[in-house]
Amino acid sequence: MQAAGCNAILSLRQFVLLARRHRSAQSALSGSQTNAQQIPPSHEKCGDKMRGWQLHNYGDIDELQLSEKVKIPQIRSSNECLVRIRTTAVNPIDLAMLRGYGAAVLNKMRCKSGDGIEFPLILGREFCGELVQTGMGVASDTLPLGARVWGVVPLQASIGAHAEYVAVPSYCLALAPKELDDNEAASVLYAGLTAWSGLYITGGLGGPCGATTSSGGGAHKRVLVLGGSGGVGSLAIQILKSQKVQVLATCSENAVEMVRNLGADFVVDYNNSESMKELCKYAPYDIVLDCSGQGGQKAAESMFDYRQYITFSSPLLANIDKQGLGLGALQNVFDLVQTNVKSVSQRGGLVKWGFFSPAPQGIQFLQKLVDQRKLMPLIDSSYGFVDLPKAFEKMKSGHLRGKIVVKI
């Protein structure tokens, strides 16, 4: 179980490295806005203010407050880009962060040394919009001013995409695919990169090249996707099928036909015990991808064997939120070791934690699939910007069929 402990330690190390990168980016070329390439703000904007949904306390949806006097983010690093947002999305991570999930770690990454200022925060992890300003280190031939772009916001950013403007590192950004409209383009990257990272970085599906390049891979492997009708699950199925992977999936009864149309080879209703037994015929699975929030503790209780069980519902940040960095880290190692002892002894495979990763090679991979018309996001519902709390309510109600988008 030494490997299991290393998995948890490496995950924590990732957060530390992200924090260092964030702090160095803030300090580098601070105030370099005068050296940045830019186009003037749209005619309807006055001064340097924008509208944004701010969070001043953790809690429920009523904590979200619309302000028209939020300061437009400034470019503080040579590799940053400022985007005028057209469309954004609401993801489960937004609802979790609204309630304080990950605050103990993420606030250390957000706050400057000796600052300690936590609020206000603006949520939102992905967007489609227009590039209006870039740092001097951003290549104009790759990201020209005025271009329609899609991108993601790092988790540690205090100003997310639920606003009219957002500033992100250039590696989190790319030209938006012409094959997608604004709603669709704002619905791919967060869930798509989460699925890609789980399969190729955590799961090693395509070997070393699968994680370090946009080559993909995994032909003739067998993967079971738990929760195939949600944002991450629906994109994971399309990613896998594009790479000639045999895909099986679970979902609720009224989504079976939809998931089958995404390309899954075999789909079962998770509420039907007899249908679930059918999955045993295809075991062992190379990967069981948990997109349904079951978590690693449920892995050993499954009725089928696997080589890897990858879940996006890890206790990593929750343990640190509850017990602090030191004790929380020890609890993470204990949880992962305990879970894997049961998993290996009962199902023959390892439990691993998957995470969202804003990797440029992942964005390139998804871009390629969209261009080849092998990937298309599912849109559950759409809301206007002033109705963003209703989008959160929809997310809170669950049982979604794709993504929730918000038009700015």
Protein backbone atom coordinates (compact mmCIF):
# COMPACT_ATOMS: atom_id res chain seq x y z
CA MET A 1 0.00 0.00 0.00
CA GLN A 2 3.06 2.25 -0.25
CA ALA A 3 1.83 3.34 -3.70
CA ALA A 4 -1.50 4.38 -2.21
CA GLY A 5 0.18 6.63 0.31
CA CYS A 6 2.35 8.17 -2.39
CA ASN A 7 -0.78 8.90 -4.40
CA ALA A 8 -2.14 11.10 -1.61
CA ILE A 9 1.20 12.81 -1.00
CA LEU A 10 1.64 13.55 -4.71
CA SER A 11 -1.86 15.04 -4.79
CA LEU A 12 -0.98 17.40 -1.95
CA ARG A 13 2.29 18.23 -3.66
CA GLN A 14 0.33 19.27 -6.75
CA PHE A 15 -1.59 21.85 -4.70
CA VAL A 16 1.64 23.24 -3.23
CA LEU A 17 3.17 23.61 -6.69
CA LEU A 18 0.03 25.35 -7.94
CA ALA A 19 0.20 27.75 -5.01
CA ARG A 20 3.82 28.61 -5.77
CA ARG A 21 3.04 29.14 -9.45
CA HIS A 22 0.12 31.41 -8.56
CA ARG A 23 2.15 33.55 -6.15
CA SER A 24 5.08 33.91 -8.56
CA ALA A 25 2.71 34.89 -11.36
CA GLN A 26 1.19 37.62 -9.19
CA SER A 27 4.57 39.06 -8.27
CA ALA A 28 6.06 38.90 -11.78
CA LEU A 29 5.61 42.04 -13.80
CA SER A 30 3.15 43.45 -11.28
CA GLY A 31 1.43 46.48 -12.69
CA SER A 32 2.49 45.56 -16.26
CA GLN A 33 -0.84 46.67 -17.65
CA THR A 34 0.93 49.56 -19.40
CA ASN A 35 3.07 47.00 -21.26
CA ALA A 36 0.11 44.84 -22.25
CA GLN A 37 -1.56 44.59 -25.62
CA GLN A 38 -5.19 45.60 -25.39
CA ILE A 39 -8.31 46.69 -27.23
CA PRO A 40 -10.69 49.22 -25.68
CA PRO A 41 -13.65 47.99 -23.60
CA SER A 42 -17.04 47.70 -25.24
CA HIS A 43 -19.02 50.93 -25.64
CA GLU A 44 -21.52 49.98 -22.96
CA LYS A 45 -18.84 49.77 -20.24
CA CYS A 46 -17.86 52.81 -18.22
CA GLY A 47 -14.60 53.11 -16.31
CA ASP A 48 -12.99 49.94 -14.97
CA LYS A 49 -16.06 48.37 -13.35
CA MET A 50 -18.05 45.28 -14.30
CA ARG A 51 -20.96 43.19 -13.10
CA GLY A 52 -20.21 40.05 -11.14
CA TRP A 53 -21.84 37.63 -8.73
CA GLN A 54 -19.87 37.96 -5.49
CA LEU A 55 -19.68 35.73 -2.46
CA HIS A 56 -18.97 37.43 0.89
CA ASN A 57 -19.64 34.42 3.11
CA TYR A 58 -19.80 30.67 2.61
CA GLY A 59 -23.27 29.18 2.79
CA ASP A 60 -26.27 28.60 0.56
CA ILE A 61 -27.33 30.13 -2.75
CA ASP A 62 -28.75 33.26 -1.06
CA GLU A 63 -25.15 34.30 -0.28
CA LEU A 64 -24.63 35.12 -4.00
CA GLN A 65 -24.89 38.89 -4.55
CA LEU A 66 -24.92 40.67 -7.91
CA SER A 67 -22.72 43.77 -7.90
CA GLU A 68 -22.28 46.27 -10.72
CA LYS A 69 -19.18 47.82 -9.18
CA VAL A 70 -16.69 44.96 -9.30
CA LYS A 71 -13.26 46.07 -10.44
CA ILE A 72 -12.26 44.57 -13.79
CA PRO A 73 -9.31 42.18 -13.20
CA GLN A 74 -5.88 43.55 -14.10
CA ILE A 75 -3.18 41.64 -15.94
CA ARG A 76 -0.37 41.13 -13.44
CA SER A 77 1.83 38.68 -15.33
CA SER A 78 3.31 38.56 -18.82
CA ASN A 79 1.42 35.33 -19.61
CA GLU A 80 -2.04 36.49 -18.50
CA CYS A 81 -5.03 37.26 -20.71
CA LEU A 82 -8.16 39.34 -20.06
CA VAL A 83 -11.36 37.99 -21.59
CA ARG A 84 -14.77 39.63 -21.97
CA ILE A 85 -17.12 36.74 -21.18
CA ARG A 86 -20.09 35.92 -23.37
CA THR A 87 -21.20 32.63 -21.78
CA THR A 88 -20.22 30.70 -18.69
CA ALA A 89 -21.46 27.58 -16.88
CA VAL A 90 -22.35 26.32 -13.42
CA ASN A 91 -20.59 23.13 -12.30
CA PRO A 92 -20.89 20.96 -9.18
CA ILE A 93 -17.56 22.38 -7.97
CA ASP A 94 -19.14 25.87 -7.91
CA LEU A 95 -21.90 24.65 -5.60
CA ALA A 96 -19.34 22.92 -3.38
CA MET A 97 -17.09 26.00 -3.20
CA LEU A 98 -20.14 28.13 -2.37
CA ARG A 99 -20.48 25.99 0.75
CA GLY A 100 -16.78 26.36 1.64
CA TYR A 101 -15.31 23.25 0.06
CA GLY A 102 -11.52 23.42 -0.21
CA ALA A 103 -11.26 26.77 1.58
CA ALA A 104 -8.36 25.75 3.83
CA VAL A 105 -6.06 24.97 0.89
CA LEU A 106 -7.43 27.28 -1.79
CA ASN A 107 -7.33 30.39 0.41
CA LYS A 108 -3.61 29.86 1.04
CA MET A 109 -3.18 29.86 -2.73
CA ARG A 110 -5.42 32.92 -3.25
CA CYS A 111 -4.14 35.23 -0.53
CA LYS A 112 -0.85 37.08 -0.73
CA SER A 113 1.64 36.58 2.09
CA GLY A 114 0.43 38.41 5.19
CA ASP A 115 -2.82 39.41 3.48
CA GLY A 116 -5.33 36.84 4.70
CA ILE A 117 -8.20 38.50 2.82
CA GLU A 118 -10.56 35.74 1.76
CA PHE A 119 -13.62 37.54 0.39
CA PRO A 120 -15.19 38.60 -1.86
CA LEU A 121 -14.98 35.63 -4.24
CA ILE A 122 -16.46 35.16 -7.69
CA LEU A 123 -17.16 31.56 -8.68
CA GLY A 124 -17.24 30.05 -12.18
CA ARG A 125 -14.71 27.70 -13.74
CA GLU A 126 -15.21 27.92 -17.54
CA PHE A 127 -16.26 30.38 -20.21
CA CYS A 128 -16.42 31.43 -23.84
CA GLY A 129 -15.72 35.03 -24.76
CA GLU A 130 -13.59 37.64 -26.53
CA LEU A 131 -9.89 38.24 -25.86
CA VAL A 132 -9.46 41.94 -25.06
CA GLN A 133 -6.01 42.20 -23.47
CA THR A 134 -2.82 40.13 -23.19
CA GLY A 135 0.47 40.30 -21.37
CA MET A 136 3.65 40.88 -23.36
CA GLY A 137 4.58 37.19 -23.12
CA VAL A 138 1.49 35.99 -24.99
CA ALA A 139 2.09 35.27 -28.69
CA SER A 140 -0.29 37.35 -30.82
CA ASP A 141 -0.28 34.78 -33.63
CA THR A 142 -1.58 32.13 -31.23
CA LEU A 143 -4.02 34.32 -29.29
CA PRO A 144 -4.80 37.49 -31.30
CA LEU A 145 -6.73 40.33 -29.72
CA GLY A 146 -10.43 40.21 -30.54
CA ALA A 147 -10.39 36.44 -31.02
CA ARG A 148 -13.24 34.26 -29.80
CA VAL A 149 -11.75 32.05 -27.10
CA TRP A 150 -12.73 29.36 -24.65
CA GLY A 151 -11.00 28.68 -21.37
CA VAL A 152 -10.99 27.59 -17.75
CA VAL A 153 -10.27 29.36 -14.46
CA PRO A 154 -7.79 27.78 -12.00
CA LEU A 155 -9.43 26.74 -8.73
CA GLN A 156 -7.27 29.14 -6.69
CA ALA A 157 -8.41 32.24 -8.59
CA SER A 158 -10.50 34.64 -6.48
CA ILE A 159 -12.27 36.08 -9.56
CA GLY A 160 -13.96 33.38 -11.60
CA ALA A 161 -16.12 33.35 -14.71
CA HIS A 162 -19.45 34.41 -13.15
CA ALA A 163 -18.68 38.00 -14.14
CA GLU A 164 -18.30 40.09 -17.28
CA TYR A 165 -14.51 39.81 -17.40
CA VAL A 166 -11.94 37.28 -16.22
CA ALA A 167 -8.11 37.17 -16.26
CA VAL A 168 -6.45 33.78 -16.68
CA PRO A 169 -3.00 32.42 -17.64
CA SER A 170 -2.61 31.84 -21.37
CA TYR A 171 -2.21 28.07 -20.85
CA CYS A 172 -5.83 28.00 -19.66
CA LEU A 173 -7.04 29.54 -22.93
CA ALA A 174 -7.36 28.64 -26.64
CA LEU A 175 -9.24 29.73 -29.73
CA ALA A 176 -12.84 28.53 -29.45
CA PRO A 177 -13.88 25.84 -31.98
CA LYS A 178 -15.94 27.15 -34.89
CA GLU A 179 -18.06 24.00 -34.69
CA LEU A 180 -19.53 25.12 -31.33
CA ASP A 181 -21.73 28.10 -30.50
CA ASP A 182 -21.03 30.15 -27.37
CA ASN A 183 -23.27 28.01 -25.13
CA GLU A 184 -21.61 24.80 -26.29
CA ALA A 185 -18.09 26.22 -26.11
CA ALA A 186 -18.67 27.24 -22.48
CA SER A 187 -19.78 23.69 -21.64
CA VAL A 188 -16.79 21.56 -22.60
CA LEU A 189 -13.52 22.43 -20.93
CA TYR A 190 -14.07 22.03 -17.18
CA ALA A 191 -15.90 18.71 -17.41
CA GLY A 192 -13.85 17.62 -20.41
CA LEU A 193 -10.51 18.30 -18.72
CA THR A 194 -11.74 16.55 -15.58
CA ALA A 195 -12.61 13.44 -17.61
CA TRP A 196 -9.39 13.66 -19.64
CA SER A 197 -7.25 14.06 -16.51
CA GLY A 198 -8.93 11.12 -14.76
CA LEU A 199 -8.45 8.83 -17.74
CA TYR A 200 -5.04 9.87 -19.01
CA ILE A 201 -3.16 11.41 -16.06
CA THR A 202 -4.55 9.40 -13.14
CA GLY A 203 -5.50 6.29 -15.12
CA GLY A 204 -2.59 6.26 -17.59
CA LEU A 205 -5.01 5.08 -20.28
CA GLY A 206 -2.83 6.11 -23.22
CA GLY A 207 0.53 5.43 -21.58
CA PRO A 208 3.06 8.24 -20.96
CA CYS A 209 2.12 10.00 -24.20
CA GLY A 210 -1.56 10.05 -23.26
CA ALA A 211 -0.84 12.25 -20.23
CA THR A 212 1.91 14.45 -21.68
CA THR A 213 0.61 15.06 -25.21
CA SER A 214 -2.75 15.42 -26.98
CA SER A 215 -2.43 12.00 -28.62
CA GLY A 216 -5.06 10.23 -26.47
CA GLY A 217 -4.99 6.45 -26.79
CA GLY A 218 -6.52 3.43 -25.08
CA ALA A 219 -7.79 1.39 -28.03
CA HIS A 220 -9.31 -1.98 -27.11
CA LYS A 221 -9.39 -1.22 -23.38
CA ARG A 222 -12.64 -1.68 -21.45
CA VAL A 223 -13.97 1.16 -19.29
CA LEU A 224 -17.12 1.41 -17.16
CA VAL A 225 -18.44 4.94 -16.67
CA LEU A 226 -20.62 5.40 -13.59
CA GLY A 227 -23.00 8.32 -14.14
CA GLY A 228 -22.91 8.54 -17.92
CA SER A 229 -25.58 11.22 -18.30
CA GLY A 230 -23.91 14.02 -16.32
CA GLY A 231 -21.49 16.68 -17.54
CA VAL A 232 -18.28 14.72 -16.91
CA GLY A 233 -19.74 11.29 -17.71
CA SER A 234 -21.28 12.28 -21.04
CA LEU A 235 -17.99 13.78 -22.25
CA ALA A 236 -15.97 10.84 -20.89
CA ILE A 237 -18.05 8.44 -23.00
CA GLN A 238 -17.43 10.47 -26.16
CA ILE A 239 -13.71 10.78 -25.40
CA LEU A 240 -13.40 7.03 -24.90
CA LYS A 241 -15.37 6.07 -28.00
CA SER A 242 -13.24 8.42 -30.13
CA GLN A 243 -10.22 6.36 -29.02
CA LYS A 244 -11.84 3.00 -29.86
CA VAL A 245 -12.31 2.03 -26.20
CA GLN A 246 -15.11 -0.40 -25.28
CA VAL A 247 -17.45 1.67 -23.09
CA LEU A 248 -20.11 0.55 -20.65
CA ALA A 249 -22.12 3.04 -18.63
CA THR A 250 -24.70 3.40 -15.88
CA CYS A 251 -27.40 6.06 -15.57
CA SER A 252 -31.04 6.40 -14.52
CA GLU A 253 -33.73 4.66 -16.55
CA ASN A 254 -34.97 7.77 -18.37
CA ALA A 255 -31.44 8.58 -19.59
CA VAL A 256 -30.52 5.16 -20.98
CA GLU A 257 -31.40 5.98 -24.59
CA MET A 258 -29.56 9.31 -24.44
CA VAL A 259 -26.39 7.68 -23.10
CA ARG A 260 -26.63 4.94 -25.70
CA ASN A 261 -26.79 7.64 -28.38
CA LEU A 262 -23.52 9.07 -27.07
CA GLY A 263 -21.88 5.87 -28.25
CA ALA A 264 -21.78 3.65 -25.15
CA ASP A 265 -21.70 -0.03 -26.11
CA PHE A 266 -23.78 -1.18 -23.16
CA VAL A 267 -25.93 0.96 -20.83
CA VAL A 268 -27.78 -0.11 -17.69
CA ASP A 269 -30.14 1.52 -15.22
CA TYR A 270 -28.28 1.70 -11.90
CA ASN A 271 -31.57 1.29 -10.03
CA ASN A 272 -32.20 -2.09 -11.68
CA SER A 273 -30.30 -4.74 -9.71
CA GLU A 274 -30.75 -7.39 -12.40
CA SER A 275 -29.36 -5.08 -15.08
CA MET A 276 -26.40 -4.17 -12.86
CA LYS A 277 -25.52 -7.86 -12.58
CA GLU A 278 -25.06 -7.89 -16.34
CA LEU A 279 -21.97 -5.73 -15.86
CA CYS A 280 -20.19 -8.66 -14.23
CA LYS A 281 -20.03 -10.41 -17.60
CA TYR A 282 -17.63 -7.76 -18.89
CA ALA A 283 -15.33 -7.69 -15.86
CA PRO A 284 -12.54 -7.14 -15.09
CA TYR A 285 -12.57 -3.54 -16.29
CA ASP A 286 -9.36 -1.72 -17.10
CA ILE A 287 -10.90 1.38 -15.51
CA VAL A 288 -14.08 2.10 -13.59
CA LEU A 289 -14.58 5.87 -13.85
CA ASP A 290 -16.78 7.18 -11.05
CA CYS A 291 -18.56 10.29 -12.36
CA SER A 292 -21.56 9.76 -10.09
CA GLY A 293 -20.07 10.87 -6.77
CA GLN A 294 -19.97 7.44 -5.13
CA GLY A 295 -16.40 7.87 -3.91
CA GLY A 296 -13.64 5.37 -3.29
CA GLN A 297 -15.25 3.87 -0.19
CA LYS A 298 -17.92 2.29 -2.41
CA ALA A 299 -15.39 0.68 -4.76
CA ALA A 300 -14.88 -2.54 -2.81
CA GLU A 301 -18.65 -2.98 -2.49
CA SER A 302 -19.13 -3.23 -6.26
CA MET A 303 -20.03 -6.64 -7.71
CA PHE A 304 -17.47 -6.55 -10.53
CA ASP A 305 -13.67 -6.63 -10.61
CA TYR A 306 -11.43 -3.90 -12.01
CA ARG A 307 -7.79 -2.94 -12.37
CA GLN A 308 -8.36 0.72 -11.48
CA TYR A 309 -11.26 2.53 -9.84
CA ILE A 310 -10.92 6.28 -10.40
CA THR A 311 -13.22 8.63 -8.52
CA PHE A 312 -13.55 12.41 -8.74
CA SER A 313 -15.13 12.47 -5.26
CA SER A 314 -11.98 12.31 -3.17
CA PRO A 315 -11.83 13.39 0.51
CA LEU A 316 -8.53 15.25 -0.09
CA LEU A 317 -9.69 18.85 0.41
CA ALA A 318 -12.58 17.95 2.72
CA ASN A 319 -10.22 16.27 5.21
CA ILE A 320 -7.94 19.32 5.26
CA ASP A 321 -10.95 21.64 5.65
CA LYS A 322 -12.03 19.64 8.67
CA GLN A 323 -8.73 18.78 10.36
CA GLY A 324 -6.17 21.26 9.09
CA LEU A 325 -3.22 20.73 6.76
CA GLY A 326 -1.12 18.38 8.90
CA LEU A 327 -3.79 16.11 10.35
CA GLY A 328 -5.80 16.34 7.16
CA ALA A 329 -2.84 15.10 5.11
CA LEU A 330 -2.38 12.16 7.47
CA GLN A 331 -6.10 11.40 7.26
CA ASN A 332 -5.86 11.41 3.45
CA VAL A 333 -3.04 8.86 3.51
CA PHE A 334 -4.97 6.71 5.98
CA ASP A 335 -8.17 6.89 3.91
CA LEU A 336 -6.42 5.98 0.68
CA VAL A 337 -4.50 3.08 2.24
CA GLN A 338 -7.59 1.73 4.02
CA THR A 339 -9.69 2.02 0.85
CA ASN A 340 -7.06 0.25 -1.23
CA VAL A 341 -6.60 -2.59 1.23
CA LYS A 342 -10.29 -3.43 0.79
CA SER A 343 -10.25 -2.76 -2.94
CA VAL A 344 -7.23 -4.92 -3.76
CA SER A 345 -8.33 -7.78 -1.51
CA GLN A 346 -11.94 -7.82 -2.72
CA ARG A 347 -11.80 -6.56 -6.32
CA GLY A 348 -8.16 -6.93 -7.32
CA GLY A 349 -7.57 -3.31 -8.30
CA LEU A 350 -6.49 0.07 -6.95
CA VAL A 351 -8.62 3.05 -6.03
CA LYS A 352 -7.26 6.38 -7.28
CA TRP A 353 -8.39 9.99 -6.99
CA GLY A 354 -8.95 12.00 -10.15
CA PHE A 355 -8.82 15.80 -10.37
CA PHE A 356 -9.51 18.61 -12.80
CA SER A 357 -6.29 19.68 -14.52
CA PRO A 358 -6.04 22.82 -16.72
CA ALA A 359 -3.42 21.18 -18.94
CA PRO A 360 -2.86 22.74 -22.40
CA GLN A 361 -2.39 19.31 -23.96
CA GLY A 362 -5.80 18.36 -22.60
CA ILE A 363 -7.37 21.45 -24.18
CA GLN A 364 -5.67 20.56 -27.49
CA PHE A 365 -7.01 17.01 -27.26
CA LEU A 366 -10.57 18.20 -26.70
CA GLN A 367 -10.20 20.79 -29.47
CA LYS A 368 -9.15 18.05 -31.87
CA LEU A 369 -12.18 15.90 -31.02
CA VAL A 370 -14.54 18.84 -31.51
CA ASP A 371 -12.95 19.66 -34.87
CA GLN A 372 -13.44 16.02 -35.90
CA ARG A 373 -17.06 16.19 -34.72
CA LYS A 374 -16.43 13.36 -32.26
CA LEU A 375 -17.34 15.38 -29.18
CA MET A 376 -20.40 17.54 -28.51
CA PRO A 377 -21.53 18.78 -25.09
CA LEU A 378 -25.05 18.18 -23.82
CA ILE A 379 -26.91 21.29 -22.63
CA ASP A 380 -29.39 20.67 -19.83
CA SER A 381 -30.63 24.26 -19.44
CA SER A 382 -29.72 27.90 -20.07
CA TYR A 383 -30.19 31.04 -17.92
CA GLY A 384 -29.64 34.78 -18.21
CA PHE A 385 -26.91 36.41 -16.13
CA VAL A 386 -29.31 38.00 -13.63
CA ASP A 387 -30.86 34.55 -13.07
CA LEU A 388 -27.59 32.86 -12.11
CA PRO A 389 -28.96 31.85 -8.66
CA LYS A 390 -31.65 29.87 -10.50
CA ALA A 391 -28.89 28.02 -12.33
CA PHE A 392 -27.40 27.12 -8.93
CA GLU A 393 -30.82 25.91 -7.78
CA LYS A 394 -31.01 23.71 -10.86
CA MET A 395 -27.58 22.29 -10.10
CA LYS A 396 -28.59 21.70 -6.49
CA SER A 397 -31.68 19.74 -7.55
CA GLY A 398 -29.50 17.17 -9.36
CA HIS A 399 -30.46 14.61 -12.05
CA LEU A 400 -29.02 16.76 -14.83
CA ARG A 401 -28.76 15.79 -18.48
CA GLY A 402 -25.63 17.69 -19.41
CA LYS A 403 -24.44 21.20 -18.54
CA ILE A 404 -26.09 24.35 -17.16
CA VAL A 405 -25.04 27.47 -19.07
CA VAL A 406 -25.41 31.17 -18.24
CA LYS A 407 -25.44 33.90 -20.90
CA ILE A 408 -23.65 37.12 -19.95
